[in-house]
Amino acid sequence: MVALVLVFFFGVFNFAAHKAVLESRHPALTRVPMLSHPLGGRISLMLEFAVLLAAMVMVTTGSSGWAWVYAIYTALTVAGAWLLMGSRL
């Protein structure tokens, strides 16, 4: 149960970071055709939701290792967002 709650909170961080990057209008986003399309942001957020849902299902079935995988995924997502938002890239 604890792993499921942690994955949920990691998902909140992922969505926040993802949305902040999409709203930043960083020049790197124009190089990704899927994100430059008007629905691109919504499609990428739906993909983010699918990843979160898959991680939550895997953790619910007893595969607590997926909580660690999703934690690493979250750390990489937040680090990437920090790099983009902080004009380090």
PDB file of N, CA and C in Angstrom:
ATOM      1  N   MET A   1       0.818  -1.196   0.000  1.00  0.00           N
ATOM      2  CA  MET A   1       0.000   0.000   0.000  1.00  0.00           C
ATOM      3  C   MET A   1       0.862   1.260   0.000  1.00  0.00           C
ATOM      4  N   VAL A   2       1.938   1.218   0.759  1.00  0.00           N
ATOM      5  CA  VAL A   2       2.836   2.374   0.815  1.00  0.00           C
ATOM      6  C   VAL A   2       3.463   2.628  -0.552  1.00  0.00           C
ATOM      7  N   ALA A   3       3.844   1.548  -1.234  1.00  0.00           N
ATOM      8  CA  ALA A   3       4.458   1.703  -2.562  1.00  0.00           C
ATOM      9  C   ALA A   3       3.477   2.339  -3.538  1.00  0.00           C
ATOM     10  N   LEU A   4       2.219   1.968  -3.447  1.00  0.00           N
ATOM     11  CA  LEU A   4       1.203   2.539  -4.334  1.00  0.00           C
ATOM     12  C   LEU A   4       1.033   4.034  -4.085  1.00  0.00           C
ATOM     13  N   VAL A   5       1.014   4.436  -2.829  1.00  0.00           N
ATOM     14  CA  VAL A   5       0.892   5.858  -2.491  1.00  0.00           C
ATOM     15  C   VAL A   5       2.117   6.623  -2.983  1.00  0.00           C
ATOM     16  N   LEU A   6       3.301   6.038  -2.825  1.00  0.00           N
ATOM     17  CA  LEU A   6       4.521   6.695  -3.314  1.00  0.00           C
ATOM     18  C   LEU A   6       4.494   6.858  -4.821  1.00  0.00           C
ATOM     19  N   VAL A   7       4.060   5.826  -5.535  1.00  0.00           N
ATOM     20  CA  VAL A   7       3.975   5.925  -6.994  1.00  0.00           C
ATOM     21  C   VAL A   7       2.994   7.019  -7.386  1.00  0.00           C
ATOM     22  N   PHE A   8       1.888   7.127  -6.671  1.00  0.00           N
ATOM     23  CA  PHE A   8       0.922   8.188  -6.952  1.00  0.00           C
ATOM     24  C   PHE A   8       1.566   9.565  -6.780  1.00  0.00           C
ATOM     25  N   PHE A   9       2.287   9.764  -5.681  1.00  0.00           N
ATOM     26  CA  PHE A   9       2.938  11.063  -5.458  1.00  0.00           C
ATOM     27  C   PHE A   9       4.041  11.323  -6.479  1.00  0.00           C
ATOM     28  N   PHE A  10       4.762  10.281  -6.880  1.00  0.00           N
ATOM     29  CA  PHE A  10       5.743  10.446  -7.955  1.00  0.00           C
ATOM     30  C   PHE A  10       5.035  10.881  -9.242  1.00  0.00           C
ATOM     31  N   GLY A  11       3.839  10.340  -9.464  1.00  0.00           N
ATOM     32  CA  GLY A  11       3.063  10.731 -10.642  1.00  0.00           C
ATOM     33  C   GLY A  11       2.681  12.195 -10.613  1.00  0.00           C
ATOM     34  N   VAL A  12       2.345  12.695  -9.441  1.00  0.00           N
ATOM     35  CA  VAL A  12       2.028  14.125  -9.297  1.00  0.00           C
ATOM     36  C   VAL A  12       3.249  14.967  -9.682  1.00  0.00           C
ATOM     37  N   PHE A  13       4.432  14.567  -9.215  1.00  0.00           N
ATOM     38  CA  PHE A  13       5.662  15.284  -9.571  1.00  0.00           C
ATOM     39  C   PHE A  13       5.914  15.208 -11.072  1.00  0.00           C
ATOM     40  N   ASN A  14       5.684  14.041 -11.668  1.00  0.00           N
ATOM     41  CA  ASN A  14       5.889  13.886 -13.107  1.00  0.00           C
ATOM     42  C   ASN A  14       4.967  14.801 -13.899  1.00  0.00           C
ATOM     43  N   PHE A  15       3.691  14.823 -13.532  1.00  0.00           N
ATOM     44  CA  PHE A  15       2.747  15.683 -14.248  1.00  0.00           C
ATOM     45  C   PHE A  15       3.101  17.154 -14.082  1.00  0.00           C
ATOM     46  N   ALA A  16       3.503  17.552 -12.895  1.00  0.00           N
ATOM     47  CA  ALA A  16       3.875  18.953 -12.671  1.00  0.00           C
ATOM     48  C   ALA A  16       5.089  19.335 -13.510  1.00  0.00           C
ATOM     49  N   ALA A  17       6.087  18.487 -13.518  1.00  0.00           N
ATOM     50  CA  ALA A  17       7.298  18.765 -14.299  1.00  0.00           C
ATOM     51  C   ALA A  17       6.981  18.770 -15.795  1.00  0.00           C
ATOM     52  N   HIS A  18       6.194  17.814 -16.225  1.00  0.00           N
ATOM     53  CA  HIS A  18       5.840  17.701 -17.641  1.00  0.00           C
ATOM     54  C   HIS A  18       5.060  18.934 -18.105  1.00  0.00           C
ATOM     55  N   LYS A  19       4.073  19.331 -17.315  1.00  0.00           N
ATOM     56  CA  LYS A  19       3.257  20.495 -17.663  1.00  0.00           C
ATOM     57  C   LYS A  19       4.093  21.780 -17.665  1.00  0.00           C
ATOM     58  N   ALA A  20       4.999  21.911 -16.712  1.00  0.00           N
ATOM     59  CA  ALA A  20       5.858  23.106 -16.658  1.00  0.00           C
ATOM     60  C   ALA A  20       6.740  23.193 -17.895  1.00  0.00           C
ATOM     61  N   VAL A  21       7.268  22.077 -18.328  1.00  0.00           N
ATOM     62  CA  VAL A  21       8.109  22.079 -19.526  1.00  0.00           C
ATOM     63  C   VAL A  21       7.280  22.421 -20.754  1.00  0.00           C
ATOM     64  N   LEU A  22       6.096  21.851 -20.867  1.00  0.00           N
ATOM     65  CA  LEU A  22       5.242  22.166 -22.015  1.00  0.00           C
ATOM     66  C   LEU A  22       4.874  23.639 -22.053  1.00  0.00           C
ATOM     67  N   GLU A  23       4.622  24.228 -20.911  1.00  0.00           N
ATOM     68  CA  GLU A  23       4.240  25.640 -20.866  1.00  0.00           C
ATOM     69  C   GLU A  23       5.423  26.584 -21.005  1.00  0.00           C
ATOM     70  N   SER A  24       6.641  26.064 -20.884  1.00  0.00           N
ATOM     71  CA  SER A  24       7.823  26.924 -20.961  1.00  0.00           C
ATOM     72  C   SER A  24       8.127  27.392 -22.377  1.00  0.00           C
ATOM     73  N   ARG A  25       7.582  26.686 -23.363  1.00  0.00           N
ATOM     74  CA  ARG A  25       7.852  27.008 -24.775  1.00  0.00           C
ATOM     75  C   ARG A  25       9.354  27.004 -25.074  1.00  0.00           C
ATOM     76  N   HIS A  26      10.069  26.095 -24.475  1.00  0.00           N
ATOM     77  CA  HIS A  26      11.509  25.977 -24.699  1.00  0.00           C
ATOM     78  C   HIS A  26      11.763  25.638 -26.164  1.00  0.00           C
ATOM     79  N   PRO A  27      12.822  26.208 -26.774  1.00  0.00           N
ATOM     80  CA  PRO A  27      13.112  25.939 -28.193  1.00  0.00           C
ATOM     81  C   PRO A  27      13.320  24.454 -28.503  1.00  0.00           C
ATOM     82  N   ALA A  28      13.755  23.679 -27.546  1.00  0.00           N
ATOM     83  CA  ALA A  28      13.968  22.245 -27.794  1.00  0.00           C
ATOM     84  C   ALA A  28      12.652  21.535 -28.091  1.00  0.00           C
ATOM     85  N   LEU A  29      11.544  22.067 -27.603  1.00  0.00           N
ATOM     86  CA  LEU A  29      10.254  21.432 -27.839  1.00  0.00           C
ATOM     87  C   LEU A  29       9.824  21.540 -29.292  1.00  0.00           C
ATOM     88  N   THR A  30      10.277  22.561 -29.996  1.00  0.00           N
ATOM     89  CA  THR A  30       9.916  22.707 -31.406  1.00  0.00           C
ATOM     90  C   THR A  30      10.615  21.676 -32.275  1.00  0.00           C
ATOM     91  N   ARG A  31      11.644  21.043 -31.762  1.00  0.00           N
ATOM     92  CA  ARG A  31      12.366  20.015 -32.516  1.00  0.00           C
ATOM     93  C   ARG A  31      11.684  18.661 -32.448  1.00  0.00           C
ATOM     94  N   VAL A  32      10.700  18.543 -31.577  1.00  0.00           N
ATOM     95  CA  VAL A  32       9.952  17.298 -31.445  1.00  0.00           C
ATOM     96  C   VAL A  32       8.594  17.518 -32.118  1.00  0.00           C
ATOM     97  N   PRO A  33       8.392  16.962 -33.313  1.00  0.00           N
ATOM     98  CA  PRO A  33       7.160  17.261 -34.061  1.00  0.00           C
ATOM     99  C   PRO A  33       5.882  16.931 -33.288  1.00  0.00           C
ATOM    100  N   MET A  34       5.904  15.876 -32.496  1.00  0.00           N
ATOM    101  CA  MET A  34       4.702  15.499 -31.758  1.00  0.00           C
ATOM    102  C   MET A  34       4.297  16.597 -30.777  1.00  0.00           C
ATOM    103  N   LEU A  35       5.275  17.290 -30.195  1.00  0.00           N
ATOM    104  CA  LEU A  35       4.970  18.311 -29.194  1.00  0.00           C
ATOM    105  C   LEU A  35       4.628  19.657 -29.814  1.00  0.00           C
ATOM    106  N   SER A  36       5.043  19.889 -31.064  1.00  0.00           N
ATOM    107  CA  SER A  36       4.739  21.169 -31.696  1.00  0.00           C
ATOM    108  C   SER A  36       3.332  21.188 -32.277  1.00  0.00           C
ATOM    109  N   HIS A  37       2.719  20.033 -32.434  1.00  0.00           N
ATOM    110  CA  HIS A  37       1.327  19.941 -32.893  1.00  0.00           C
ATOM    111  C   HIS A  37       0.422  20.452 -31.777  1.00  0.00           C
ATOM    112  N   PRO A  38      -0.686  21.127 -32.123  1.00  0.00           N
ATOM    113  CA  PRO A  38      -1.566  21.672 -31.072  1.00  0.00           C
ATOM    114  C   PRO A  38      -2.020  20.645 -30.028  1.00  0.00           C
ATOM    115  N   LEU A  39      -2.264  19.415 -30.442  1.00  0.00           N
ATOM    116  CA  LEU A  39      -2.671  18.394 -29.484  1.00  0.00           C
ATOM    117  C   LEU A  39      -1.477  17.671 -28.871  1.00  0.00           C
ATOM    118  N   GLY A  40      -0.280  18.041 -29.275  1.00  0.00           N
ATOM    119  CA  GLY A  40       0.918  17.351 -28.806  1.00  0.00           C
ATOM    120  C   GLY A  40       1.069  17.329 -27.302  1.00  0.00           C
ATOM    121  N   GLY A  41       0.781  18.442 -26.668  1.00  0.00           N
ATOM    122  CA  GLY A  41       0.894  18.499 -25.217  1.00  0.00           C
ATOM    123  C   GLY A  41      -0.085  17.562 -24.537  1.00  0.00           C
ATOM    124  N   ARG A  42      -1.286  17.509 -25.067  1.00  0.00           N
ATOM    125  CA  ARG A  42      -2.290  16.619 -24.477  1.00  0.00           C
ATOM    126  C   ARG A  42      -1.931  15.153 -24.713  1.00  0.00           C
ATOM    127  N   ILE A  43      -1.428  14.860 -25.888  1.00  0.00           N
ATOM    128  CA  ILE A  43      -1.051  13.475 -26.191  1.00  0.00           C
ATOM    129  C   ILE A  43       0.096  13.037 -25.289  1.00  0.00           C
ATOM    130  N   SER A  44       1.064  13.899 -25.083  1.00  0.00           N
ATOM    131  CA  SER A  44       2.186  13.528 -24.223  1.00  0.00           C
ATOM    132  C   SER A  44       1.744  13.389 -22.764  1.00  0.00           C
ATOM    133  N   LEU A  45       0.768  14.192 -22.338  1.00  0.00           N
ATOM    134  CA  LEU A  45       0.238  14.042 -20.981  1.00  0.00           C
ATOM    135  C   LEU A  45      -0.564  12.747 -20.840  1.00  0.00           C
ATOM    136  N   MET A  46      -1.264  12.340 -21.909  1.00  0.00           N
ATOM    137  CA  MET A  46      -1.965  11.057 -21.872  1.00  0.00           C
ATOM    138  C   MET A  46      -0.975   9.899 -21.807  1.00  0.00           C
ATOM    139  N   LEU A  47       0.137  10.034 -22.501  1.00  0.00           N
ATOM    140  CA  LEU A  47       1.182   9.015 -22.429  1.00  0.00           C
ATOM    141  C   LEU A  47       1.772   8.964 -21.021  1.00  0.00           C
ATOM    142  N   GLU A  48       1.959  10.111 -20.425  1.00  0.00           N
ATOM    143  CA  GLU A  48       2.440  10.182 -19.037  1.00  0.00           C
ATOM    144  C   GLU A  48       1.462   9.479 -18.095  1.00  0.00           C
ATOM    145  N   PHE A  49       0.163   9.678 -18.330  1.00  0.00           N
ATOM    146  CA  PHE A  49      -0.852   9.014 -17.521  1.00  0.00           C
ATOM    147  C   PHE A  49      -0.800   7.501 -17.713  1.00  0.00           C
ATOM    148  N   ALA A  50      -0.589   7.057 -18.946  1.00  0.00           N
ATOM    149  CA  ALA A  50      -0.508   5.618 -19.219  1.00  0.00           C
ATOM    150  C   ALA A  50       0.669   4.986 -18.486  1.00  0.00           C
ATOM    151  N   VAL A  51       1.792   5.685 -18.444  1.00  0.00           N
ATOM    152  CA  VAL A  51       2.963   5.180 -17.714  1.00  0.00           C
ATOM    153  C   VAL A  51       2.654   5.103 -16.225  1.00  0.00           C
ATOM    154  N   LEU A  52       2.007   6.145 -15.692  1.00  0.00           N
ATOM    155  CA  LEU A  52       1.633   6.142 -14.275  1.00  0.00           C
ATOM    156  C   LEU A  52       0.661   5.002 -13.973  1.00  0.00           C
ATOM    157  N   LEU A  53      -0.341   4.839 -14.812  1.00  0.00           N
ATOM    158  CA  LEU A  53      -1.324   3.785 -14.601  1.00  0.00           C
ATOM    159  C   LEU A  53      -0.669   2.406 -14.639  1.00  0.00           C
ATOM    160  N   ALA A  54       0.230   2.193 -15.594  1.00  0.00           N
ATOM    161  CA  ALA A  54       0.935   0.910 -15.687  1.00  0.00           C
ATOM    162  C   ALA A  54       1.763   0.650 -14.430  1.00  0.00           C
ATOM    163  N   ALA A  55       2.453   1.667 -13.950  1.00  0.00           N
ATOM    164  CA  ALA A  55       3.258   1.506 -12.734  1.00  0.00           C
ATOM    165  C   ALA A  55       2.372   1.196 -11.540  1.00  0.00           C
ATOM    166  N   MET A  56       1.227   1.869 -11.445  1.00  0.00           N
ATOM    167  CA  MET A  56       0.332   1.626 -10.318  1.00  0.00           C
ATOM    168  C   MET A  56      -0.269   0.217 -10.377  1.00  0.00           C
ATOM    169  N   VAL A  57      -0.606  -0.244 -11.568  1.00  0.00           N
ATOM    170  CA  VAL A  57      -1.137  -1.603 -11.714  1.00  0.00           C
ATOM    171  C   VAL A  57      -0.082  -2.624 -11.329  1.00  0.00           C
ATOM    172  N   MET A  58       1.146  -2.417 -11.773  1.00  0.00           N
ATOM    173  CA  MET A  58       2.219  -3.362 -11.450  1.00  0.00           C
ATOM    174  C   MET A  58       2.488  -3.398  -9.948  1.00  0.00           C
ATOM    175  N   VAL A  59       2.460  -2.253  -9.307  1.00  0.00           N
ATOM    176  CA  VAL A  59       2.681  -2.210  -7.857  1.00  0.00           C
ATOM    177  C   VAL A  59       1.512  -2.866  -7.128  1.00  0.00           C
ATOM    178  N   THR A  60       0.293  -2.656  -7.622  1.00  0.00           N
ATOM    179  CA  THR A  60      -0.884  -3.259  -6.998  1.00  0.00           C
ATOM    180  C   THR A  60      -0.845  -4.789  -7.073  1.00  0.00           C
ATOM    181  N   THR A  61      -0.271  -5.314  -8.150  1.00  0.00           N
ATOM    182  CA  THR A  61      -0.209  -6.770  -8.300  1.00  0.00           C
ATOM    183  C   THR A  61       0.912  -7.395  -7.477  1.00  0.00           C
ATOM    184  N   GLY A  62       1.662  -6.581  -6.768  1.00  0.00           N
ATOM    185  CA  GLY A  62       2.689  -7.115  -5.886  1.00  0.00           C
ATOM    186  C   GLY A  62       4.110  -6.936  -6.368  1.00  0.00           C
ATOM    187  N   SER A  63       4.280  -6.327  -7.509  1.00  0.00           N
ATOM    188  CA  SER A  63       5.630  -6.091  -8.036  1.00  0.00           C
ATOM    189  C   SER A  63       6.152  -4.761  -7.507  1.00  0.00           C
ATOM    190  N   SER A  64       6.593  -4.749  -6.262  1.00  0.00           N
ATOM    191  CA  SER A  64       7.013  -3.491  -5.644  1.00  0.00           C
ATOM    192  C   SER A  64       8.286  -2.926  -6.270  1.00  0.00           C
ATOM    193  N   GLY A  65       9.002  -3.729  -7.023  1.00  0.00           N
ATOM    194  CA  GLY A  65      10.184  -3.233  -7.727  1.00  0.00           C
ATOM    195  C   GLY A  65       9.838  -2.142  -8.731  1.00  0.00           C
ATOM    196  N   TRP A  66       8.595  -2.175  -9.227  1.00  0.00           N
ATOM    197  CA  TRP A  66       8.167  -1.141 -10.166  1.00  0.00           C
ATOM    198  C   TRP A  66       8.078   0.221  -9.506  1.00  0.00           C
ATOM    199  N   ALA A  67       7.905   0.250  -8.209  1.00  0.00           N
ATOM    200  CA  ALA A  67       7.917   1.535  -7.500  1.00  0.00           C
ATOM    201  C   ALA A  67       9.304   2.159  -7.617  1.00  0.00           C
ATOM    202  N   TRP A  68      10.339   1.332  -7.509  1.00  0.00           N
ATOM    203  CA  TRP A  68      11.705   1.836  -7.676  1.00  0.00           C
ATOM    204  C   TRP A  68      11.955   2.295  -9.109  1.00  0.00           C
ATOM    205  N   VAL A  69      11.453   1.536 -10.065  1.00  0.00           N
ATOM    206  CA  VAL A  69      11.618   1.918 -11.474  1.00  0.00           C
ATOM    207  C   VAL A  69      10.927   3.254 -11.734  1.00  0.00           C
ATOM    208  N   TYR A  70       9.726   3.416 -11.207  1.00  0.00           N
ATOM    209  CA  TYR A  70       9.000   4.665 -11.406  1.00  0.00           C
ATOM    210  C   TYR A  70       9.663   5.812 -10.641  1.00  0.00           C
ATOM    211  N   ALA A  71      10.263   5.524  -9.507  1.00  0.00           N
ATOM    212  CA  ALA A  71      10.997   6.559  -8.761  1.00  0.00           C
ATOM    213  C   ALA A  71      12.193   7.054  -9.577  1.00  0.00           C
ATOM    214  N   ILE A  72      12.903   6.142 -10.206  1.00  0.00           N
ATOM    215  CA  ILE A  72      14.038   6.530 -11.058  1.00  0.00           C
ATOM    216  C   ILE A  72      13.540   7.334 -12.257  1.00  0.00           C
ATOM    217  N   TYR A  73      12.444   6.884 -12.861  1.00  0.00           N
ATOM    218  CA  TYR A  73      11.830   7.606 -13.981  1.00  0.00           C
ATOM    219  C   TYR A  73      11.450   9.027 -13.556  1.00  0.00           C
ATOM    220  N   THR A  74      10.892   9.159 -12.366  1.00  0.00           N
ATOM    221  CA  THR A  74      10.522  10.472 -11.845  1.00  0.00           C
ATOM    222  C   THR A  74      11.751  11.344 -11.643  1.00  0.00           C
ATOM    223  N   ALA A  75      12.797  10.772 -11.078  1.00  0.00           N
ATOM    224  CA  ALA A  75      14.032  11.537 -10.851  1.00  0.00           C
ATOM    225  C   ALA A  75      14.596  12.042 -12.174  1.00  0.00           C
ATOM    226  N   LEU A  76      14.583  11.208 -13.201  1.00  0.00           N
ATOM    227  CA  LEU A  76      15.091  11.629 -14.505  1.00  0.00           C
ATOM    228  C   LEU A  76      14.200  12.695 -15.138  1.00  0.00           C
ATOM    229  N   THR A  77      12.901  12.552 -14.980  1.00  0.00           N
ATOM    230  CA  THR A  77      11.963  13.537 -15.521  1.00  0.00           C
ATOM    231  C   THR A  77      12.144  14.889 -14.844  1.00  0.00           C
ATOM    232  N   VAL A  78      12.225  14.884 -13.537  1.00  0.00           N
ATOM    233  CA  VAL A  78      12.390  16.135 -12.794  1.00  0.00           C
ATOM    234  C   VAL A  78      13.752  16.764 -13.101  1.00  0.00           C
ATOM    235  N   ALA A  79      14.785  15.946 -13.228  1.00  0.00           N
ATOM    236  CA  ALA A  79      16.113  16.475 -13.575  1.00  0.00           C
ATOM    237  C   ALA A  79      16.093  17.101 -14.970  1.00  0.00           C
ATOM    238  N   GLY A  80      15.438  16.445 -15.916  1.00  0.00           N
ATOM    239  CA  GLY A  80      15.325  17.011 -17.265  1.00  0.00           C
ATOM    240  C   GLY A  80      14.548  18.305 -17.277  1.00  0.00           C
ATOM    241  N   ALA A  81      13.463  18.350 -16.527  1.00  0.00           N
ATOM    242  CA  ALA A  81      12.675  19.578 -16.433  1.00  0.00           C
ATOM    243  C   ALA A  81      13.495  20.693 -15.798  1.00  0.00           C
ATOM    244  N   TRP A  82      14.250  20.359 -14.768  1.00  0.00           N
ATOM    245  CA  TRP A  82      15.093  21.357 -14.117  1.00  0.00           C
ATOM    246  C   TRP A  82      16.132  21.900 -15.083  1.00  0.00           C
ATOM    247  N   LEU A  83      16.714  21.030 -15.907  1.00  0.00           N
ATOM    248  CA  LEU A  83      17.695  21.479 -16.889  1.00  0.00           C
ATOM    249  C   LEU A  83      17.065  22.411 -17.925  1.00  0.00           C
ATOM    250  N   LEU A  84      15.879  22.049 -18.408  1.00  0.00           N
ATOM    251  CA  LEU A  84      15.208  22.876 -19.400  1.00  0.00           C
ATOM    252  C   LEU A  84      14.697  24.188 -18.814  1.00  0.00           C
ATOM    253  N   MET A  85      14.093  24.117 -17.653  1.00  0.00           N
ATOM    254  CA  MET A  85      13.519  25.314 -17.047  1.00  0.00           C
ATOM    255  C   MET A  85      14.592  26.261 -16.535  1.00  0.00           C
ATOM    256  N   GLY A  86      15.716  25.724 -16.139  1.00  0.00           N
ATOM    257  CA  GLY A  86      16.787  26.561 -15.614  1.00  0.00           C
ATOM    258  C   GLY A  86      17.714  27.078 -16.708  1.00  0.00           C
ATOM    259  N   SER A  87      17.331  26.903 -17.975  1.00  0.00           N
ATOM    260  CA  SER A  87      18.133  27.354 -19.130  1.00  0.00           C
ATOM    261  C   SER A  87      19.529  26.769 -19.111  1.00  0.00           C
ATOM    262  N   ARG A  88      19.661  25.549 -18.637  1.00  0.00           N
ATOM    263  CA  ARG A  88      20.947  24.884 -18.644  1.00  0.00           C
ATOM    264  C   ARG A  88      21.189  24.132 -19.948  1.00  0.00           C
ATOM    265  N   LEU A  89      20.137  23.989 -20.749  1.00  0.00           N
ATOM    266  CA  LEU A  89      20.261  23.340 -22.054  1.00  0.00           C
ATOM    267  C   LEU A  89      19.897  24.313 -23.131  1.00  0.00           C
TER     268      LEU A  89
END
